[in-house]
Each structure stands twice: as C-alpha cells, then as structure tokens.
Amino acid sequence: MTGRLPHDSGHMGMADDKGHGEVVSRPRAAELLTVGVVTGTHGVGGELKVKSYSGFSDHLLVLRNALFRKGQAEKELQLESVRPQPPGVIVKITGIETPEQARRFIGYEIWVPRPQAARLLEGEYYAADLCLCSVWFGEEEIGSVRSVLEGASADLLEVQGKAGRTFLVPFSDHFIGDVELEKRKIYLRGDEIVR
C-alpha cells in the first residue's frame, strides 16, 4: 500500500575541504538524504530561508551541521541557529554575517544523515529509496524508477522502461500495489499505464 512521500531524498559525493564552520567527519554518501533547499536570505544578519522538502520542520530544528550542495559545489557547514518559519526554517550558518555572504547559498540543497531526516510513518517512503527500485507487473519487470516528481494529486514515479520509453506512474493506491524496499521492487496493480 502506498502513502505520503516525504521528499527528503538522495545521496551525496565528497565535500570541499574549505569553508565557514566546516565539520570534519560525515556519513557515507548512501546514508545522506536531502531535506530542504535555501530559498532566500532573511534579515540583515546573514540568515537563510530554508524550505523543507517533507513539509515538516521539527527534524530541521535540531540540526547543528549539514552538507550544503548546489550542482558540483558542496560544503559541510556548522549551523549557529535554526528556528521555525513556515513553510520551513530560518538558518544561521556559523561565520556568515551579512545578506551578501548569505546570498551565495540560495539554491543550495541541505543534506543530512538519514536518521536526521523527517521520520516516516507506516506506508511512507523516501524518494531516494524508491529511486533504487525496479517496477514490476506480476512476474514481468517493466523498468526502473529514475526519479520522483511532485504531481497535482499524487507524486509521480518516472519509470525508465526496458525498451527505453519513459512513463510517469502516479504513486497512489490506484496504480501501485506492493512496495518491497528490501527487494527493491515496486509492483503495479495494472500495466495499462506503461503499455
């Protein structure tokens, strides 16, 4: 059975070895999920507005360091403070004191160890985990999940078919049957959407 999909997702490469408030150790890439994105600056003290990908912010309020990434640029940074500001949080990075310094982080995604991402309820999945799955109808493998997109009424699985064709499958009970993350398989209820 399917459920709500927090958009905390993804994995990372290596961090730069320079930057403000850097942290020296971090988990392996597969253990990291993206939890939000910097959307702008806030005030005159170098603070950042961060939109939570999951729609929740409690897990962000306890962050003291995080990996910031935009394209190939990434920095592991210490956070001086985090406070709520719906639909996300306001973040102060150690060493960033002006709006001009803060502006360079607009568009950066925030990556954290999996245990620090939004908690999942029964029937919920991280998009990153779904992107590791193949898609099946009965005993036939249809393709693999390339990405998860936000749709109007449901999230959409972008499925790369075996023949190279791409399909968008709504992640809803109408289309999705069992999700077996341990086997990395998602089963469709019918195959009309991928034929």
C-alpha atoms as a PDB file:
ATOM      1  CA  MET A   1       0.000   0.000   0.000  1.00  0.00           C
ATOM      2  CA  THR A   2       1.253   3.472  -0.815  1.00  0.00           C
ATOM      3  CA  GLY A   3       1.355   6.530   1.379  1.00  0.00           C
ATOM      4  CA  ARG A   4       2.583  10.084   1.644  1.00  0.00           C
ATOM      5  CA  LEU A   5       6.042  10.608   0.226  1.00  0.00           C
ATOM      6  CA  PRO A   6       8.288  12.970   2.191  1.00  0.00           C
ATOM      7  CA  HIS A   7      10.613  14.480  -0.387  1.00  0.00           C
ATOM      8  CA  ASP A   8      13.659  14.026   1.793  1.00  0.00           C
ATOM      9  CA  SER A   9      15.763  12.085  -0.652  1.00  0.00           C
ATOM     10  CA  GLY A  10      19.051  11.492  -2.413  1.00  0.00           C
ATOM     11  CA  HIS A  11      22.720  10.783  -1.782  1.00  0.00           C
ATOM     12  CA  MET A  12      25.948  12.737  -1.978  1.00  0.00           C
ATOM     13  CA  GLY A  13      29.544  12.799  -3.168  1.00  0.00           C
ATOM     14  CA  MET A  14      32.544  14.270  -1.311  1.00  0.00           C
ATOM     15  CA  ALA A  15      32.574  17.659   0.430  1.00  0.00           C
ATOM     16  CA  ASP A  16      35.013  20.514  -0.125  1.00  0.00           C
ATOM     17  CA  ASP A  17      37.823  20.885   2.400  1.00  0.00           C
ATOM     18  CA  LYS A  18      37.384  24.645   2.852  1.00  0.00           C
ATOM     19  CA  GLY A  19      34.567  26.867   4.092  1.00  0.00           C
ATOM     20  CA  HIS A  20      32.918  28.615   7.004  1.00  0.00           C
ATOM     21  CA  GLY A  21      32.251  26.499  10.098  1.00  0.00           C
ATOM     22  CA  GLU A  22      33.234  23.215   8.450  1.00  0.00           C
ATOM     23  CA  VAL A  23      32.684  19.849  10.083  1.00  0.00           C
ATOM     24  CA  VAL A  24      35.428  17.273   9.602  1.00  0.00           C
ATOM     25  CA  SER A  25      33.559  13.951   9.583  1.00  0.00           C
ATOM     26  CA  ARG A  26      30.335  12.835   7.930  1.00  0.00           C
ATOM     27  CA  PRO A  27      28.443   9.662   6.999  1.00  0.00           C
ATOM     28  CA  ARG A  28      28.950   7.754   3.760  1.00  0.00           C
ATOM     29  CA  ALA A  29      27.070   9.053   0.716  1.00  0.00           C
ATOM     30  CA  ALA A  30      24.311   6.402   0.766  1.00  0.00           C
ATOM     31  CA  GLU A  31      23.375   7.410   4.315  1.00  0.00           C
ATOM     32  CA  LEU A  32      22.516  11.026   3.396  1.00  0.00           C
ATOM     33  CA  LEU A  33      19.160  12.477   2.346  1.00  0.00           C
ATOM     34  CA  THR A  34      18.264  15.930   1.075  1.00  0.00           C
ATOM     35  CA  VAL A  35      15.829  17.635   3.440  1.00  0.00           C
ATOM     36  CA  GLY A  36      15.392  21.150   2.091  1.00  0.00           C
ATOM     37  CA  VAL A  37      16.563  23.968  -0.125  1.00  0.00           C
ATOM     38  CA  VAL A  38      17.743  27.510   0.595  1.00  0.00           C
ATOM     39  CA  THR A  39      15.173  29.843  -0.997  1.00  0.00           C
ATOM     40  CA  GLY A  40      16.478  33.246   0.075  1.00  0.00           C
ATOM     41  CA  THR A  41      18.033  35.413   2.745  1.00  0.00           C
ATOM     42  CA  HIS A  42      16.324  36.698   5.885  1.00  0.00           C
ATOM     43  CA  GLY A  43      17.107  39.971   7.638  1.00  0.00           C
ATOM     44  CA  VAL A  44      20.451  41.740   7.817  1.00  0.00           C
ATOM     45  CA  GLY A  45      22.398  39.205   9.907  1.00  0.00           C
ATOM     46  CA  GLY A  46      23.214  36.657   7.190  1.00  0.00           C
ATOM     47  CA  GLU A  47      20.342  34.255   7.890  1.00  0.00           C
ATOM     48  CA  LEU A  48      18.829  31.944   5.266  1.00  0.00           C
ATOM     49  CA  LYS A  49      15.257  30.891   4.497  1.00  0.00           C
ATOM     50  CA  VAL A  50      15.063  27.111   4.030  1.00  0.00           C
ATOM     51  CA  LYS A  51      12.041  25.310   2.546  1.00  0.00           C
ATOM     52  CA  SER A  52      11.551  21.810   3.961  1.00  0.00           C
ATOM     53  CA  TYR A  53      11.077  19.159   1.265  1.00  0.00           C
ATOM     54  CA  SER A  54       8.940  17.000   3.547  1.00  0.00           C
ATOM     55  CA  GLY A  55       6.621  19.808   4.601  1.00  0.00           C
ATOM     56  CA  PHE A  56       7.674  19.306   8.231  1.00  0.00           C
ATOM     57  CA  SER A  57      10.344  21.250  10.083  1.00  0.00           C
ATOM     58  CA  ASP A  58      10.808  19.595  13.503  1.00  0.00           C
ATOM     59  CA  HIS A  59      13.695  17.478  12.188  1.00  0.00           C
ATOM     60  CA  LEU A  60      15.401  20.612  10.853  1.00  0.00           C
ATOM     61  CA  LEU A  61      15.189  22.494  14.158  1.00  0.00           C
ATOM     62  CA  VAL A  62      17.720  20.181  15.831  1.00  0.00           C
ATOM     63  CA  LEU A  63      20.389  20.393  13.104  1.00  0.00           C
ATOM     64  CA  ARG A  64      23.803  21.666  14.200  1.00  0.00           C
ATOM     65  CA  ASN A  65      25.645  20.875  10.969  1.00  0.00           C
ATOM     66  CA  ALA A  66      24.673  19.867   7.437  1.00  0.00           C
ATOM     67  CA  LEU A  67      26.047  19.407   3.959  1.00  0.00           C
ATOM     68  CA  PHE A  68      25.036  22.187   1.552  1.00  0.00           C
ATOM     69  CA  ARG A  69      25.114  21.275  -2.154  1.00  0.00           C
ATOM     70  CA  LYS A  70      24.326  23.013  -5.445  1.00  0.00           C
ATOM     71  CA  GLY A  71      25.462  21.287  -8.613  1.00  0.00           C
ATOM     72  CA  GLN A  72      29.077  20.215  -8.033  1.00  0.00           C
ATOM     73  CA  ALA A  73      29.652  22.752  -5.244  1.00  0.00           C
ATOM     74  CA  GLU A  74      29.255  21.416  -1.717  1.00  0.00           C
ATOM     75  CA  LYS A  75      30.303  22.453   1.759  1.00  0.00           C
ATOM     76  CA  GLU A  76      29.781  20.856   5.126  1.00  0.00           C
ATOM     77  CA  LEU A  77      28.822  23.677   7.473  1.00  0.00           C
ATOM     78  CA  GLN A  78      28.099  24.268  11.153  1.00  0.00           C
ATOM     79  CA  LEU A  79      24.779  25.884  11.970  1.00  0.00           C
ATOM     80  CA  GLU A  80      24.746  28.574  14.632  1.00  0.00           C
ATOM     81  CA  SER A  81      20.951  28.523  14.933  1.00  0.00           C
ATOM     82  CA  VAL A  82      17.778  27.121  13.366  1.00  0.00           C
ATOM     83  CA  ARG A  83      14.296  28.419  14.128  1.00  0.00           C
ATOM     84  CA  PRO A  84      10.827  27.792  12.675  1.00  0.00           C
ATOM     85  CA  GLN A  85       9.471  29.991   9.888  1.00  0.00           C
ATOM     86  CA  PRO A  86       6.675  28.170   7.968  1.00  0.00           C
ATOM     87  CA  PRO A  87       6.894  26.581   5.408  1.00  0.00           C
ATOM     88  CA  GLY A  88      10.401  25.825   6.652  1.00  0.00           C
ATOM     89  CA  VAL A  89      13.038  27.294   8.917  1.00  0.00           C
ATOM     90  CA  ILE A  90      15.469  30.187   9.251  1.00  0.00           C
ATOM     91  CA  VAL A  91      19.097  29.010   9.405  1.00  0.00           C
ATOM     92  CA  LYS A  92      22.181  30.895  10.571  1.00  0.00           C
ATOM     93  CA  ILE A  93      25.465  29.420   9.315  1.00  0.00           C
ATOM     94  CA  THR A  94      28.470  29.976  11.571  1.00  0.00           C
ATOM     95  CA  GLY A  95      30.665  32.695  10.047  1.00  0.00           C
ATOM     96  CA  ILE A  96      28.047  34.115   7.660  1.00  0.00           C
ATOM     97  CA  GLU A  97      27.242  37.624   8.919  1.00  0.00           C
ATOM     98  CA  THR A  98      25.726  39.612   6.029  1.00  0.00           C
ATOM     99  CA  PRO A  99      22.960  39.167   3.458  1.00  0.00           C
ATOM    100  CA  GLU A 100      25.622  39.412   0.741  1.00  0.00           C
ATOM    101  CA  GLN A 101      27.517  36.436   2.199  1.00  0.00           C
ATOM    102  CA  ALA A 102      24.261  34.515   2.697  1.00  0.00           C
ATOM    103  CA  ARG A 103      23.028  35.146  -0.875  1.00  0.00           C
ATOM    104  CA  ARG A 104      25.633  32.803  -2.342  1.00  0.00           C
ATOM    105  CA  PHE A 105      23.840  29.869  -0.651  1.00  0.00           C
ATOM    106  CA  ILE A 106      20.495  30.460  -2.408  1.00  0.00           C
ATOM    107  CA  GLY A 107      19.572  27.329  -4.338  1.00  0.00           C
ATOM    108  CA  TYR A 108      21.761  25.033  -2.231  1.00  0.00           C
ATOM    109  CA  GLU A 109      20.097  21.850  -1.002  1.00  0.00           C
ATOM    110  CA  ILE A 110      20.647  20.678   2.566  1.00  0.00           C
ATOM    111  CA  TRP A 111      21.749  17.064   3.081  1.00  0.00           C
ATOM    112  CA  VAL A 112      21.783  15.237   6.422  1.00  0.00           C
ATOM    113  CA  PRO A 113      22.356  11.707   7.737  1.00  0.00           C
ATOM    114  CA  ARG A 114      19.263   9.518   7.243  1.00  0.00           C
ATOM    115  CA  PRO A 115      18.352   9.470  10.992  1.00  0.00           C
ATOM    116  CA  GLN A 116      18.099  13.296  10.928  1.00  0.00           C
ATOM    117  CA  ALA A 117      15.607  13.400   8.031  1.00  0.00           C
ATOM    118  CA  ALA A 118      11.825  13.559   8.502  1.00  0.00           C
ATOM    119  CA  ARG A 119      10.560  10.439  10.271  1.00  0.00           C
ATOM    120  CA  LEU A 120       8.471   8.081   8.171  1.00  0.00           C
ATOM    121  CA  LEU A 121       5.094   6.776   9.217  1.00  0.00           C
ATOM    122  CA  GLU A 122       3.721   3.380   8.189  1.00  0.00           C
ATOM    123  CA  GLY A 123       3.350   3.252   4.410  1.00  0.00           C
ATOM    124  CA  GLU A 124       5.662   6.215   3.749  1.00  0.00           C
ATOM    125  CA  TYR A 125       8.882   6.083   1.726  1.00  0.00           C
ATOM    126  CA  TYR A 126      11.836   8.311   0.990  1.00  0.00           C
ATOM    127  CA  ALA A 127      12.024   9.230  -2.686  1.00  0.00           C
ATOM    128  CA  ALA A 128      15.701   8.181  -2.668  1.00  0.00           C
ATOM    129  CA  ASP A 129      14.723   4.637  -1.684  1.00  0.00           C
ATOM    130  CA  LEU A 130      12.078   4.426  -4.415  1.00  0.00           C
ATOM    131  CA  CYS A 131      14.685   5.529  -6.983  1.00  0.00           C
ATOM    132  CA  LEU A 132      16.632   2.338  -6.202  1.00  0.00           C
ATOM    133  CA  CYS A 133      13.658   0.145  -7.169  1.00  0.00           C
ATOM    134  CA  SER A 134      12.631  -1.700 -10.278  1.00  0.00           C
ATOM    135  CA  VAL A 135       8.960  -1.661 -11.343  1.00  0.00           C
ATOM    136  CA  TRP A 136       7.087  -4.914 -11.914  1.00  0.00           C
ATOM    137  CA  PHE A 137       3.715  -6.120 -13.163  1.00  0.00           C
ATOM    138  CA  GLY A 138       3.300  -9.665 -11.943  1.00  0.00           C
ATOM    139  CA  GLU A 139       6.460 -11.566 -12.898  1.00  0.00           C
ATOM    140  CA  GLU A 140       7.460  -9.089 -15.628  1.00  0.00           C
ATOM    141  CA  GLU A 141       9.973  -6.351 -14.929  1.00  0.00           C
ATOM    142  CA  ILE A 142       8.697  -3.179 -16.608  1.00  0.00           C
ATOM    143  CA  GLY A 143      11.630  -0.857 -15.861  1.00  0.00           C
ATOM    144  CA  SER A 144      13.266   1.134 -13.081  1.00  0.00           C
ATOM    145  CA  VAL A 145      12.432   4.318 -11.174  1.00  0.00           C
ATOM    146  CA  ARG A 146      14.581   7.225 -12.369  1.00  0.00           C
ATOM    147  CA  SER A 147      13.093   9.970 -10.201  1.00  0.00           C
ATOM    148  CA  VAL A 148      10.099  11.038  -8.141  1.00  0.00           C
ATOM    149  CA  LEU A 149       8.265  14.170  -9.273  1.00  0.00           C
ATOM    150  CA  GLU A 150       5.657  16.260  -7.492  1.00  0.00           C
ATOM    151  CA  GLY A 151       2.258  15.942  -9.151  1.00  0.00           C
ATOM    152  CA  ALA A 152      -1.008  17.799  -8.543  1.00  0.00           C
ATOM    153  CA  SER A 153      -2.878  14.950  -6.837  1.00  0.00           C
ATOM    154  CA  ALA A 154      -0.062  12.442  -6.266  1.00  0.00           C
ATOM    155  CA  ASP A 155       3.686  12.132  -6.581  1.00  0.00           C
ATOM    156  CA  LEU A 156       4.795  10.612  -9.881  1.00  0.00           C
ATOM    157  CA  LEU A 157       7.358   7.868 -10.397  1.00  0.00           C
ATOM    158  CA  GLU A 158       9.389   8.497 -13.532  1.00  0.00           C
ATOM    159  CA  VAL A 159       9.945   4.966 -14.833  1.00  0.00           C
ATOM    160  CA  GLN A 160      12.537   4.152 -17.497  1.00  0.00           C
ATOM    161  CA  GLY A 161      11.038   1.195 -19.389  1.00  0.00           C
ATOM    162  CA  LYS A 162      13.070  -1.801 -20.566  1.00  0.00           C
ATOM    163  CA  ALA A 163      12.655  -0.649 -24.192  1.00  0.00           C
ATOM    164  CA  GLY A 164      13.909   2.857 -23.347  1.00  0.00           C
ATOM    165  CA  ARG A 165      10.500   4.549 -23.159  1.00  0.00           C
ATOM    166  CA  THR A 166       9.772   6.725 -20.099  1.00  0.00           C
ATOM    167  CA  PHE A 167       6.484   6.541 -18.180  1.00  0.00           C
ATOM    168  CA  LEU A 168       5.007   8.628 -15.363  1.00  0.00           C
ATOM    169  CA  VAL A 169       3.189   6.455 -12.838  1.00  0.00           C
ATOM    170  CA  PRO A 170       1.123   8.137 -10.091  1.00  0.00           C
ATOM    171  CA  PHE A 171       2.279   6.936  -6.680  1.00  0.00           C
ATOM    172  CA  SER A 172      -1.253   6.142  -5.483  1.00  0.00           C
ATOM    173  CA  ASP A 173      -3.177   3.053  -4.429  1.00  0.00           C
ATOM    174  CA  HIS A 174      -4.989   3.035  -7.785  1.00  0.00           C
ATOM    175  CA  PHE A 175      -1.744   2.308  -9.672  1.00  0.00           C
ATOM    176  CA  ILE A 176       0.734   0.978  -7.093  1.00  0.00           C
ATOM    177  CA  GLY A 177       0.375  -2.353  -5.320  1.00  0.00           C
ATOM    178  CA  ASP A 178       3.096  -3.651  -3.010  1.00  0.00           C
ATOM    179  CA  VAL A 179       6.317  -1.764  -2.356  1.00  0.00           C
ATOM    180  CA  GLU A 180       9.120  -4.094  -1.230  1.00  0.00           C
ATOM    181  CA  LEU A 181      12.076  -1.865  -0.440  1.00  0.00           C
ATOM    182  CA  GLU A 182      14.184  -4.736   0.889  1.00  0.00           C
ATOM    183  CA  LYS A 183      13.887  -6.408  -2.548  1.00  0.00           C
ATOM    184  CA  ARG A 184      13.977  -3.044  -4.342  1.00  0.00           C
ATOM    185  CA  LYS A 185      10.718  -3.801  -6.149  1.00  0.00           C
ATOM    186  CA  ILE A 186       7.538  -1.834  -6.746  1.00  0.00           C
ATOM    187  CA  TYR A 187       4.539  -3.727  -8.119  1.00  0.00           C
ATOM    188  CA  LEU A 188       1.914  -2.146 -10.342  1.00  0.00           C
ATOM    189  CA  ARG A 189      -1.777  -3.036  -9.931  1.00  0.00           C
ATOM    190  CA  GLY A 190      -2.228  -2.928 -13.717  1.00  0.00           C
ATOM    191  CA  ASP A 191       0.005  -2.423 -16.706  1.00  0.00           C
ATOM    192  CA  GLU A 192      -2.195  -0.100 -18.823  1.00  0.00           C
ATOM    193  CA  ILE A 193      -0.215   2.978 -17.797  1.00  0.00           C
ATOM    194  CA  VAL A 194       3.097   1.553 -19.110  1.00  0.00           C
ATOM    195  CA  ARG A 195       1.882  -0.021 -22.368  1.00  0.00           C
END
